Amino acid sequence: MANVTLDAKGLKCPQPQLKMTIAISKMKPGEVIDVIANCDTFEADVRKWCERNHKVLLWMKDLGGGVKQCQVRV
């Protein structure tokens, strides 16, 4: 399985989720994407995005300074 990392720092809603959608379109089921972003609504947006797209949010953590990182299974 491939692991893809997406740096979405500096992007505002809904750009991180749009970039995630593009990235997962090139991935196979079961692969994992790591996303780092500093958008204020990133955590809530990713949770909703995972529900809508039937993806599994493995974890979400606060890296400090308004930056959050998550891992999603495609």
N, C-alpha and C. Protein backbone atom coordinates (compact mmCIF):
# COMPACT_ATOMS: atom_id res chain seq x y z
N MET A 1 0.83 -1.19 0.00
CA MET A 1 0.00 0.00 0.00
C MET A 1 0.87 1.25 0.00
N ALA A 2 0.46 2.21 -0.77
CA ALA A 2 1.18 3.47 -0.84
C ALA A 2 0.65 4.43 0.22
N ASN A 3 1.53 5.27 0.68
CA ASN A 3 1.16 6.33 1.61
C ASN A 3 1.39 7.64 0.87
N VAL A 4 0.37 8.48 0.79
CA VAL A 4 0.47 9.76 0.11
C VAL A 4 0.42 10.85 1.16
N THR A 5 1.29 11.86 1.03
CA THR A 5 1.27 12.99 1.94
C THR A 5 0.84 14.23 1.17
N LEU A 6 -0.12 14.95 1.74
CA LEU A 6 -0.63 16.17 1.13
C LEU A 6 -0.43 17.32 2.10
N ASP A 7 0.36 18.31 1.70
CA ASP A 7 0.58 19.50 2.51
C ASP A 7 -0.38 20.57 2.03
N ALA A 8 -1.40 20.84 2.83
CA ALA A 8 -2.42 21.82 2.46
C ALA A 8 -2.33 23.07 3.33
N LYS A 9 -1.17 23.29 3.95
CA LYS A 9 -1.00 24.49 4.77
C LYS A 9 -1.13 25.73 3.89
N GLY A 10 -1.83 26.73 4.42
CA GLY A 10 -2.01 27.97 3.68
C GLY A 10 -3.28 27.98 2.83
N LEU A 11 -3.92 26.83 2.68
CA LEU A 11 -5.16 26.76 1.91
C LEU A 11 -6.35 26.92 2.84
N LYS A 12 -7.37 27.58 2.37
CA LYS A 12 -8.59 27.80 3.16
C LYS A 12 -9.71 26.93 2.61
N CYS A 13 -10.67 26.63 3.47
CA CYS A 13 -11.82 25.82 3.12
C CYS A 13 -12.47 26.37 1.84
N PRO A 14 -12.80 25.55 0.91
CA PRO A 14 -12.79 24.09 0.88
C PRO A 14 -11.58 23.51 0.15
N GLN A 15 -10.54 24.30 -0.07
CA GLN A 15 -9.40 23.84 -0.87
C GLN A 15 -8.71 22.57 -0.34
N PRO A 16 -8.49 22.41 0.98
CA PRO A 16 -7.86 21.17 1.43
C PRO A 16 -8.67 19.92 1.04
N GLN A 17 -10.00 20.00 1.17
CA GLN A 17 -10.83 18.85 0.83
C GLN A 17 -10.86 18.61 -0.69
N LEU A 18 -10.81 19.67 -1.48
CA LEU A 18 -10.76 19.51 -2.93
C LEU A 18 -9.45 18.83 -3.34
N LYS A 19 -8.36 19.24 -2.71
CA LYS A 19 -7.05 18.61 -3.00
C LYS A 19 -7.06 17.14 -2.57
N MET A 20 -7.73 16.85 -1.44
CA MET A 20 -7.84 15.46 -0.99
C MET A 20 -8.62 14.63 -2.01
N THR A 21 -9.70 15.18 -2.53
CA THR A 21 -10.52 14.47 -3.51
C THR A 21 -9.71 14.15 -4.75
N ILE A 22 -8.92 15.10 -5.22
CA ILE A 22 -8.08 14.87 -6.39
C ILE A 22 -7.03 13.80 -6.09
N ALA A 23 -6.40 13.89 -4.92
CA ALA A 23 -5.35 12.93 -4.56
C ALA A 23 -5.90 11.51 -4.45
N ILE A 24 -7.07 11.34 -3.81
CA ILE A 24 -7.57 9.97 -3.64
C ILE A 24 -8.09 9.38 -4.93
N SER A 25 -8.38 10.22 -5.92
CA SER A 25 -8.85 9.69 -7.21
C SER A 25 -7.74 8.89 -7.90
N LYS A 26 -6.50 9.11 -7.48
CA LYS A 26 -5.34 8.41 -8.05
C LYS A 26 -4.86 7.27 -7.16
N MET A 27 -5.60 7.02 -6.07
CA MET A 27 -5.18 6.00 -5.10
C MET A 27 -6.07 4.77 -5.18
N LYS A 28 -5.57 3.68 -4.63
CA LYS A 28 -6.32 2.43 -4.60
C LYS A 28 -6.98 2.25 -3.23
N PRO A 29 -8.10 1.52 -3.19
CA PRO A 29 -8.75 1.25 -1.90
C PRO A 29 -7.76 0.63 -0.91
N GLY A 30 -7.81 1.10 0.31
CA GLY A 30 -6.93 0.60 1.36
C GLY A 30 -5.68 1.43 1.56
N GLU A 31 -5.35 2.27 0.57
CA GLU A 31 -4.18 3.13 0.73
C GLU A 31 -4.51 4.26 1.72
N VAL A 32 -3.46 4.93 2.19
CA VAL A 32 -3.62 5.94 3.24
C VAL A 32 -3.07 7.28 2.76
N ILE A 33 -3.81 8.33 3.08
CA ILE A 33 -3.35 9.69 2.79
C ILE A 33 -3.17 10.44 4.11
N ASP A 34 -2.02 11.10 4.23
CA ASP A 34 -1.72 11.97 5.37
C ASP A 34 -1.92 13.39 4.89
N VAL A 35 -2.65 14.18 5.64
CA VAL A 35 -2.91 15.57 5.25
C VAL A 35 -2.54 16.49 6.41
N ILE A 36 -1.82 17.55 6.08
CA ILE A 36 -1.43 18.57 7.06
C ILE A 36 -2.03 19.89 6.58
N ALA A 37 -2.75 20.58 7.48
CA ALA A 37 -3.38 21.85 7.09
C ALA A 37 -3.49 22.77 8.31
N ASN A 38 -3.67 24.04 8.01
CA ASN A 38 -3.84 25.02 9.09
C ASN A 38 -5.11 25.83 8.92
N CYS A 39 -6.06 25.33 8.17
CA CYS A 39 -7.37 25.96 8.01
C CYS A 39 -8.14 25.83 9.33
N ASP A 40 -8.82 26.89 9.74
CA ASP A 40 -9.54 26.89 11.02
C ASP A 40 -10.59 25.79 11.12
N THR A 41 -11.20 25.43 10.01
CA THR A 41 -12.29 24.45 10.03
C THR A 41 -11.84 23.07 9.54
N PHE A 42 -10.54 22.85 9.44
CA PHE A 42 -10.01 21.62 8.86
C PHE A 42 -10.55 20.35 9.52
N GLU A 43 -10.50 20.27 10.84
CA GLU A 43 -10.91 19.04 11.51
C GLU A 43 -12.38 18.73 11.22
N ALA A 44 -13.26 19.68 11.41
CA ALA A 44 -14.69 19.45 11.16
C ALA A 44 -14.94 19.14 9.69
N ASP A 45 -14.24 19.84 8.80
CA ASP A 45 -14.42 19.61 7.37
C ASP A 45 -13.98 18.21 6.96
N VAL A 46 -12.86 17.74 7.51
CA VAL A 46 -12.37 16.40 7.16
C VAL A 46 -13.33 15.34 7.68
N ARG A 47 -13.84 15.51 8.87
CA ARG A 47 -14.80 14.54 9.41
C ARG A 47 -16.03 14.43 8.51
N LYS A 48 -16.56 15.57 8.08
CA LYS A 48 -17.72 15.56 7.17
C LYS A 48 -17.35 14.97 5.81
N TRP A 49 -16.16 15.31 5.31
CA TRP A 49 -15.69 14.82 4.02
C TRP A 49 -15.58 13.29 4.05
N CYS A 50 -15.04 12.76 5.14
CA CYS A 50 -14.91 11.30 5.27
C CYS A 50 -16.29 10.63 5.26
N GLU A 51 -17.24 11.20 5.97
CA GLU A 51 -18.59 10.64 5.98
C GLU A 51 -19.21 10.66 4.59
N ARG A 52 -19.12 11.78 3.90
CA ARG A 52 -19.70 11.92 2.56
C ARG A 52 -19.06 10.97 1.56
N ASN A 53 -17.75 10.76 1.70
CA ASN A 53 -17.00 9.97 0.72
C ASN A 53 -16.75 8.53 1.17
N HIS A 54 -17.32 8.16 2.30
CA HIS A 54 -17.19 6.79 2.82
C HIS A 54 -15.72 6.38 2.98
N LYS A 55 -14.96 7.28 3.60
CA LYS A 55 -13.55 7.03 3.90
C LYS A 55 -13.40 6.96 5.42
N VAL A 56 -12.31 6.35 5.88
CA VAL A 56 -12.10 6.14 7.31
C VAL A 56 -11.04 7.12 7.82
N LEU A 57 -11.47 7.99 8.76
CA LEU A 57 -10.52 8.88 9.43
C LEU A 57 -9.82 8.05 10.49
N LEU A 58 -8.53 7.80 10.30
CA LEU A 58 -7.77 6.96 11.24
C LEU A 58 -7.40 7.74 12.49
N TRP A 59 -6.95 8.98 12.30
CA TRP A 59 -6.64 9.84 13.44
C TRP A 59 -6.50 11.29 12.99
N MET A 60 -6.62 12.16 13.97
CA MET A 60 -6.46 13.60 13.77
C MET A 60 -5.68 14.11 14.98
N LYS A 61 -4.63 14.88 14.74
CA LYS A 61 -3.89 15.43 15.88
C LYS A 61 -3.52 16.88 15.63
N ASP A 62 -3.37 17.59 16.73
CA ASP A 62 -3.01 18.99 16.73
C ASP A 62 -1.49 19.08 16.82
N LEU A 63 -0.86 19.70 15.84
CA LEU A 63 0.60 19.84 15.84
C LEU A 63 1.04 21.16 16.47
N GLY A 64 0.07 21.99 16.87
CA GLY A 64 0.38 23.27 17.47
C GLY A 64 0.42 24.38 16.43
N GLY A 65 0.24 25.59 16.88
CA GLY A 65 0.29 26.74 16.00
C GLY A 65 -0.83 26.76 14.97
N GLY A 66 -1.94 26.09 15.27
CA GLY A 66 -3.07 26.06 14.35
C GLY A 66 -2.96 25.01 13.27
N VAL A 67 -1.90 24.21 13.31
CA VAL A 67 -1.68 23.17 12.29
C VAL A 67 -2.21 21.83 12.80
N LYS A 68 -2.96 21.13 11.96
CA LYS A 68 -3.46 19.81 12.30
C LYS A 68 -3.06 18.82 11.22
N GLN A 69 -2.95 17.58 11.64
CA GLN A 69 -2.59 16.51 10.71
C GLN A 69 -3.58 15.38 10.89
N CYS A 70 -3.97 14.77 9.78
CA CYS A 70 -4.86 13.62 9.87
C CYS A 70 -4.38 12.53 8.93
N GLN A 71 -4.91 11.34 9.17
CA GLN A 71 -4.62 10.21 8.30
C GLN A 71 -5.97 9.56 7.95
N VAL A 72 -6.17 9.35 6.64
CA VAL A 72 -7.43 8.83 6.15
C VAL A 72 -7.14 7.60 5.27
N ARG A 73 -7.91 6.53 5.52
CA ARG A 73 -7.81 5.35 4.67
C ARG A 73 -8.80 5.49 3.53
N VAL A 74 -8.30 5.32 2.32
CA VAL A 74 -9.13 5.45 1.11
C VAL A 74 -9.99 4.22 0.92
